[in-house]
């Protein structure tokens, strides 16, 4: 029998001003999943997360966390959840370790145990040397890592991450990806919202795309990516001499004084045949790279046509 970390049925949210943020949202996320919930700002991601987290109330529908109905057992649901919000929340009168101990206290964790856990998570987040600092003394990236540590203090079974790597530099973002995969491998279900689409493609097994309060796509990441009919590459080239570029199934776009060539190629076309064609024209390919993240292409195309 399939076990679900989160079950949302016919979830609707209408604000006091009459704006309908969610329209009969249905979503099931399996236990142990690493799930992406994507959509532009205002699409309904944060409203969904805030309802699941009991920050705001729903208008109608049901939410279950590991089988517990949010309306009937909100305490159990909250204990299952760890939430990292999009906004950085600064502790005003405590250092990092004290803040984590206080966070543990909210969940009934004794002082000594909370201190051990706090030191553990500070170490895992590479913040142990900042244990006596306040959050206002941290960089934006450090503050986000600290928020993840706080969310994990009570050993939640479901971790919700709302833009967790915003403002984090590229190298550190990669480290956080490895850590989040490690967390997921321990059995913690993860729900991720992010504007870094390469992040979602790299980390997530399944994906839903929400637009104007409705779930428009709900599938596996693999199925969505492989649904693309074209691949897009950027070539650094030399030797182009104003030839007309025409090869069946391939679109060409020259730029940078004819030293860069963007190609959009149908998956059924062998890229080696395209390369042979360019070689026959005396065009030398010096380097090749993916010109755009695959998920980003799908997402942008979806937003334009749905």
Protein backbone atom coordinates (compact mmCIF):
# COMPACT_ATOMS: atom_id res chain seq x y z
CA UNK A 1 0.00 0.00 0.00
CA UNK A 2 1.38 3.38 -1.03
CA UNK A 3 2.14 5.70 1.86
CA UNK A 4 1.79 9.41 1.31
CA UNK A 5 3.66 12.15 3.14
CA UNK A 6 1.17 14.74 1.90
CA UNK A 7 -2.34 14.42 0.49
CA UNK A 8 -4.20 17.50 -0.72
CA UNK A 9 -7.73 17.19 -2.05
CA UNK A 10 -9.85 19.95 -3.60
CA UNK A 11 -7.91 22.63 -1.77
CA UNK A 12 -9.32 26.12 -2.28
CA UNK A 13 -8.27 29.45 -0.87
CA UNK A 14 -10.24 32.68 -1.36
CA UNK A 15 -8.87 35.76 0.40
CA UNK A 16 -11.05 38.40 2.00
CA UNK A 17 -10.66 40.69 -1.02
CA UNK A 18 -12.21 37.97 -3.20
CA UNK A 19 -8.99 36.82 -4.86
CA UNK A 20 -9.01 33.05 -5.39
CA UNK A 21 -5.43 31.92 -4.86
CA UNK A 22 -6.10 28.17 -5.08
CA UNK A 23 -8.72 26.41 -7.20
CA UNK A 24 -9.44 22.81 -6.21
CA UNK A 25 -5.81 21.78 -5.93
CA UNK A 26 -5.20 18.03 -5.78
CA UNK A 27 -1.77 16.68 -4.98
CA UNK A 28 -0.33 13.48 -3.51
CA UNK A 29 3.34 13.23 -2.56
CA UNK A 30 4.72 9.83 -1.67
CA UNK A 31 6.72 9.22 1.47
CA UNK A 32 10.44 9.52 0.68
CA UNK A 33 9.93 11.63 -2.43
CA UNK A 34 11.99 14.68 -3.43
CA UNK A 35 9.24 16.78 -5.01
CA UNK A 36 9.37 20.06 -6.92
CA UNK A 37 6.46 22.49 -6.75
CA UNK A 38 7.09 25.11 -9.40
CA UNK A 39 5.30 28.21 -10.64
CA UNK A 40 5.83 31.92 -11.11
CA UNK A 41 5.34 34.37 -8.25
CA UNK A 42 1.66 34.53 -7.38
CA UNK A 43 0.91 31.12 -8.90
CA UNK A 44 -0.15 29.62 -5.56
CA UNK A 45 3.00 27.87 -4.30
CA UNK A 46 3.41 29.87 -1.11
CA UNK A 47 -0.32 29.81 -0.37
CA UNK A 48 -0.29 26.01 -0.60
CA UNK A 49 2.76 25.76 1.66
CA UNK A 50 1.32 28.22 4.17
CA UNK A 51 -1.91 26.23 4.42
CA UNK A 52 -0.04 22.95 4.92
CA UNK A 53 2.09 24.70 7.55
CA UNK A 54 -1.02 26.10 9.33
CA UNK A 55 0.18 29.67 8.77
CA UNK A 56 -3.02 30.57 6.95
CA UNK A 57 -6.40 28.86 6.86
CA UNK A 58 -7.92 27.21 3.81
CA UNK A 59 -11.35 28.02 2.43
CA UNK A 60 -12.23 24.40 1.65
CA UNK A 61 -10.68 21.03 0.91
CA UNK A 62 -8.64 18.60 2.97
CA UNK A 63 -4.96 18.32 3.86
CA UNK A 64 -3.40 15.20 5.36
CA UNK A 65 0.19 14.86 6.53
CA UNK A 66 1.25 11.22 6.89
CA UNK A 67 -2.42 10.31 7.12
CA UNK A 68 -3.27 12.85 9.83
CA UNK A 69 -6.01 15.31 8.91
CA UNK A 70 -4.83 18.89 9.43
CA UNK A 71 -8.26 19.95 10.68
CA UNK A 72 -8.49 17.14 13.23
CA UNK A 73 -4.91 16.85 14.50
CA UNK A 74 -2.95 20.00 13.76
CA UNK A 75 -0.36 19.26 16.48
CA UNK A 76 0.62 15.92 14.93
CA UNK A 77 0.82 17.52 11.48
CA UNK A 78 3.08 20.28 12.75
CA UNK A 79 5.36 17.75 14.42
CA UNK A 80 5.75 15.93 11.11
CA UNK A 81 6.75 19.15 9.33
CA UNK A 82 9.93 21.16 9.06
CA UNK A 83 9.47 24.37 7.09
CA UNK A 84 12.07 26.76 5.68
CA UNK A 85 10.30 29.91 4.56
CA UNK A 86 11.33 32.19 1.71
CA UNK A 87 11.87 35.14 4.05
CA UNK A 88 14.90 35.14 6.34
CA UNK A 89 13.73 35.30 9.95
CA UNK A 90 16.28 36.86 12.30
CA UNK A 91 16.57 35.87 15.96
CA UNK A 92 16.89 39.13 17.88
CA UNK A 93 18.17 38.24 21.35
CA UNK A 94 20.03 34.95 20.97
CA UNK A 95 23.05 33.49 19.26
CA UNK A 96 22.75 30.61 16.79
CA UNK A 97 23.12 27.80 19.31
CA UNK A 98 20.70 29.42 21.74
CA UNK A 99 18.21 29.91 18.91
CA UNK A 100 18.36 26.22 18.02
CA UNK A 101 17.93 25.20 21.66
CA UNK A 102 14.89 27.47 21.92
CA UNK A 103 13.53 25.96 18.70
CA UNK A 104 13.92 22.48 20.19
CA UNK A 105 12.08 23.64 23.29
CA UNK A 106 9.03 24.47 21.19
CA UNK A 107 8.80 20.76 20.42
CA UNK A 108 9.43 19.58 23.97
CA UNK A 109 13.06 18.60 23.45
CA UNK A 110 14.99 18.80 26.78
CA UNK A 111 17.78 21.37 27.01
CA UNK A 112 20.68 18.91 26.98
CA UNK A 113 19.33 17.00 23.98
CA UNK A 114 18.51 20.24 22.16
CA UNK A 115 22.07 21.47 22.67
CA UNK A 116 23.49 18.24 21.22
CA UNK A 117 21.18 18.46 18.24
CA UNK A 118 21.94 22.16 17.78
CA UNK A 119 25.69 21.58 17.67
CA UNK A 120 25.15 18.67 15.26
CA UNK A 121 23.12 20.71 12.80
CA UNK A 122 25.43 23.72 13.03
CA UNK A 123 28.28 21.39 12.12
CA UNK A 124 26.32 19.87 9.21
CA UNK A 125 25.53 23.38 7.94
CA UNK A 126 29.19 24.51 8.28
CA UNK A 127 28.14 27.06 10.90
CA UNK A 128 29.80 25.61 14.00
CA UNK A 129 32.31 28.46 14.13
CA UNK A 130 29.37 30.90 14.17
CA UNK A 131 27.59 29.25 17.12
CA UNK A 132 28.03 32.35 19.33
CA UNK A 133 27.09 34.83 16.62
CA UNK A 134 23.64 36.30 16.12
CA UNK A 135 21.73 35.79 12.90
CA UNK A 136 22.17 39.46 11.98
CA UNK A 137 25.93 38.87 11.83
CA UNK A 138 25.49 36.20 9.13
CA UNK A 139 25.60 36.55 5.38
CA UNK A 140 22.41 35.77 3.48
CA UNK A 141 23.66 32.30 2.55
CA UNK A 142 24.63 31.51 6.14
CA UNK A 143 21.26 32.70 7.40
CA UNK A 144 19.48 30.34 4.99
CA UNK A 145 21.59 27.41 6.16
CA UNK A 146 20.75 28.33 9.75
CA UNK A 147 17.04 28.30 8.91
CA UNK A 148 17.40 24.77 7.53
CA UNK A 149 19.13 23.74 10.76
CA UNK A 150 16.20 25.16 12.77
CA UNK A 151 13.68 23.31 10.61
CA UNK A 152 15.47 20.00 11.27
CA UNK A 153 15.79 20.36 15.05
CA UNK A 154 12.74 18.19 15.85
CA UNK A 155 13.61 15.49 13.28
CA UNK A 156 10.66 16.12 10.94
CA UNK A 157 9.54 13.50 8.43
CA UNK A 158 8.60 16.10 5.81
CA UNK A 159 10.85 19.07 5.02
CA UNK A 160 9.37 21.95 2.99
CA UNK A 161 11.91 24.28 1.40
CA UNK A 162 10.64 27.54 -0.08
CA UNK A 163 13.47 29.03 -2.19
CA UNK A 164 16.18 27.64 0.16
CA UNK A 165 19.19 28.69 -1.94
CA UNK A 166 18.14 32.23 -2.87
CA UNK A 167 21.14 34.49 -2.36
CA UNK A 168 23.54 31.57 -1.95
CA UNK A 169 26.64 31.56 -4.16
CA UNK A 170 27.08 28.82 -6.76
CA UNK A 171 29.72 26.77 -4.91
CA UNK A 172 27.76 26.77 -1.66
CA UNK A 173 24.54 25.98 -3.51
CA UNK A 174 26.14 22.79 -4.80
CA UNK A 175 27.17 21.85 -1.26
CA UNK A 176 23.60 22.39 -0.10
CA UNK A 177 22.34 20.19 -2.93
CA UNK A 178 24.54 17.36 -1.68
CA UNK A 179 23.31 17.88 1.87
CA UNK A 180 19.65 17.92 0.82
CA UNK A 181 20.15 14.69 -1.13
CA UNK A 182 21.72 13.18 1.97
CA UNK A 183 18.70 14.25 4.02
CA UNK A 184 16.34 12.72 1.46
CA UNK A 185 18.38 9.50 1.40
CA UNK A 186 17.79 9.21 5.15
CA UNK A 187 14.07 8.90 4.39
CA UNK A 188 12.96 12.49 4.90
CA UNK A 189 10.44 13.58 2.27
CA UNK A 190 11.39 16.93 0.70
CA UNK A 191 9.18 19.45 -1.08
CA UNK A 192 11.14 22.14 -2.92
CA UNK A 193 10.05 25.41 -4.49
CA UNK A 194 12.77 27.24 -6.41
CA UNK A 195 13.39 29.66 -9.24
CA UNK A 196 16.65 27.85 -10.03
CA UNK A 197 15.22 25.31 -12.44
CA UNK A 198 18.52 23.45 -12.81
CA UNK A 199 18.24 22.88 -9.05
CA UNK A 200 14.84 21.24 -9.40
CA UNK A 201 15.98 19.11 -12.33
CA UNK A 202 19.08 17.96 -10.46
CA UNK A 203 17.40 17.16 -7.15
CA UNK A 204 13.77 16.21 -7.68
CA UNK A 205 12.17 12.92 -8.67
CA UNK A 206 8.67 14.27 -9.28
CA UNK A 207 7.24 17.66 -10.17
CA UNK A 208 4.04 19.69 -10.20
CA UNK A 209 3.64 23.03 -11.96
CA UNK A 210 1.00 25.38 -10.60
CA UNK A 211 -0.41 28.34 -12.52
CA UNK A 212 -3.08 30.78 -11.38
CA UNK A 213 -4.00 28.51 -8.48
CA UNK A 214 -4.38 25.31 -10.51
CA UNK A 215 -2.10 22.30 -10.91
CA UNK A 216 -1.32 22.11 -14.62
CA UNK A 217 1.40 19.43 -14.60
CA UNK A 218 1.90 16.57 -12.16
CA UNK A 219 4.36 13.92 -13.30
CA UNK A 220 7.82 12.48 -12.82
CA UNK A 221 10.80 14.67 -13.61
CA UNK A 222 12.09 12.02 -16.02
CA UNK A 223 8.81 11.87 -17.94
CA UNK A 224 8.62 15.65 -18.22
CA UNK A 225 12.20 16.04 -19.40
CA UNK A 226 11.98 13.23 -21.97
CA UNK A 227 8.78 14.76 -23.37
CA UNK A 228 10.93 17.44 -25.02
CA UNK A 229 11.14 16.92 -28.77
CA UNK A 230 14.21 19.11 -29.27
CA UNK A 231 17.65 19.58 -27.77
CA UNK A 232 19.34 22.96 -27.70
CA UNK A 233 23.10 23.50 -27.86
CA UNK A 234 25.54 26.36 -28.22
CA UNK A 235 28.63 25.83 -30.37
CA UNK A 236 31.75 27.96 -30.44
CA UNK A 237 32.84 27.84 -34.08
CA UNK A 238 35.39 29.13 -36.56
CA UNK A 239 35.54 29.07 -40.36
CA UNK A 240 32.04 30.34 -41.13
CA UNK A 241 32.06 32.24 -44.46
CA UNK A 242 28.51 33.48 -45.02
CA UNK A 243 27.23 30.05 -46.07
CA UNK A 244 23.52 29.33 -45.87
CA UNK A 245 22.90 26.83 -43.08
CA UNK A 246 20.15 24.39 -43.95
CA UNK A 247 19.87 20.91 -42.48
CA UNK A 248 16.56 18.98 -42.02
CA UNK A 249 15.35 18.98 -38.40
CA UNK A 250 17.84 21.62 -37.25
CA UNK A 251 17.40 25.35 -36.65
CA UNK A 252 20.53 27.52 -36.71
CA UNK A 253 21.17 30.96 -35.20
CA UNK A 254 24.50 32.74 -35.58
CA UNK A 255 25.71 35.47 -33.22
CA UNK A 256 28.86 37.09 -31.78
CA UNK A 257 30.25 37.99 -35.23
CA UNK A 258 29.54 34.48 -36.49
CA UNK A 259 31.71 32.80 -33.83
CA UNK A 260 28.80 31.38 -31.85
CA UNK A 261 26.14 29.08 -33.30
CA UNK A 262 22.94 28.14 -31.43
CA UNK A 263 21.27 25.00 -32.73
CA UNK A 264 17.84 23.57 -31.97
CA UNK A 265 17.86 19.95 -33.08
CA UNK A 266 15.06 17.39 -33.20
CA UNK A 267 15.80 14.39 -30.98
CA UNK A 268 15.30 12.07 -33.94
CA UNK A 269 18.23 13.72 -35.74
CA UNK A 270 21.72 12.43 -34.96
CA UNK A 271 23.82 15.32 -33.71
CA UNK A 272 26.88 13.72 -35.31
CA UNK A 273 25.22 14.09 -38.73
CA UNK A 274 24.69 17.76 -38.01
CA UNK A 275 28.35 18.09 -37.07
CA UNK A 276 29.39 16.32 -40.28
CA UNK A 277 27.25 18.77 -42.23
CA UNK A 278 28.97 21.75 -40.59
CA UNK A 279 32.37 20.17 -41.21
CA UNK A 280 31.52 19.79 -44.92
CA UNK A 281 31.06 23.57 -45.03
CA UNK A 282 34.49 24.15 -43.49
CA UNK A 283 33.04 25.13 -40.11
CA UNK A 284 35.12 23.92 -37.15
CA UNK A 285 33.40 23.22 -33.82
CA UNK A 286 35.68 24.33 -31.03
CA UNK A 287 33.37 23.62 -28.08
CA UNK A 288 29.85 22.41 -27.32
CA UNK A 289 27.56 23.11 -24.37
CA UNK A 290 23.89 22.93 -23.47
CA UNK A 291 22.57 26.42 -24.11
CA UNK A 292 19.64 26.26 -21.71
CA UNK A 293 18.50 24.05 -18.87
CA UNK A 294 16.01 21.50 -20.23
CA UNK A 295 13.47 22.07 -17.48
CA UNK A 296 13.75 25.82 -18.00
CA UNK A 297 12.83 25.42 -21.69
CA UNK A 298 9.83 23.26 -20.81
CA UNK A 299 8.73 25.60 -18.03
CA UNK A 300 8.96 28.73 -20.17
CA UNK A 301 7.17 27.07 -23.08
CA UNK A 302 4.47 25.86 -20.72
CA UNK A 303 3.99 29.33 -19.23
CA UNK A 304 3.69 30.86 -22.70
CA UNK A 305 1.11 28.42 -24.07
CA UNK A 306 -1.03 27.35 -21.06
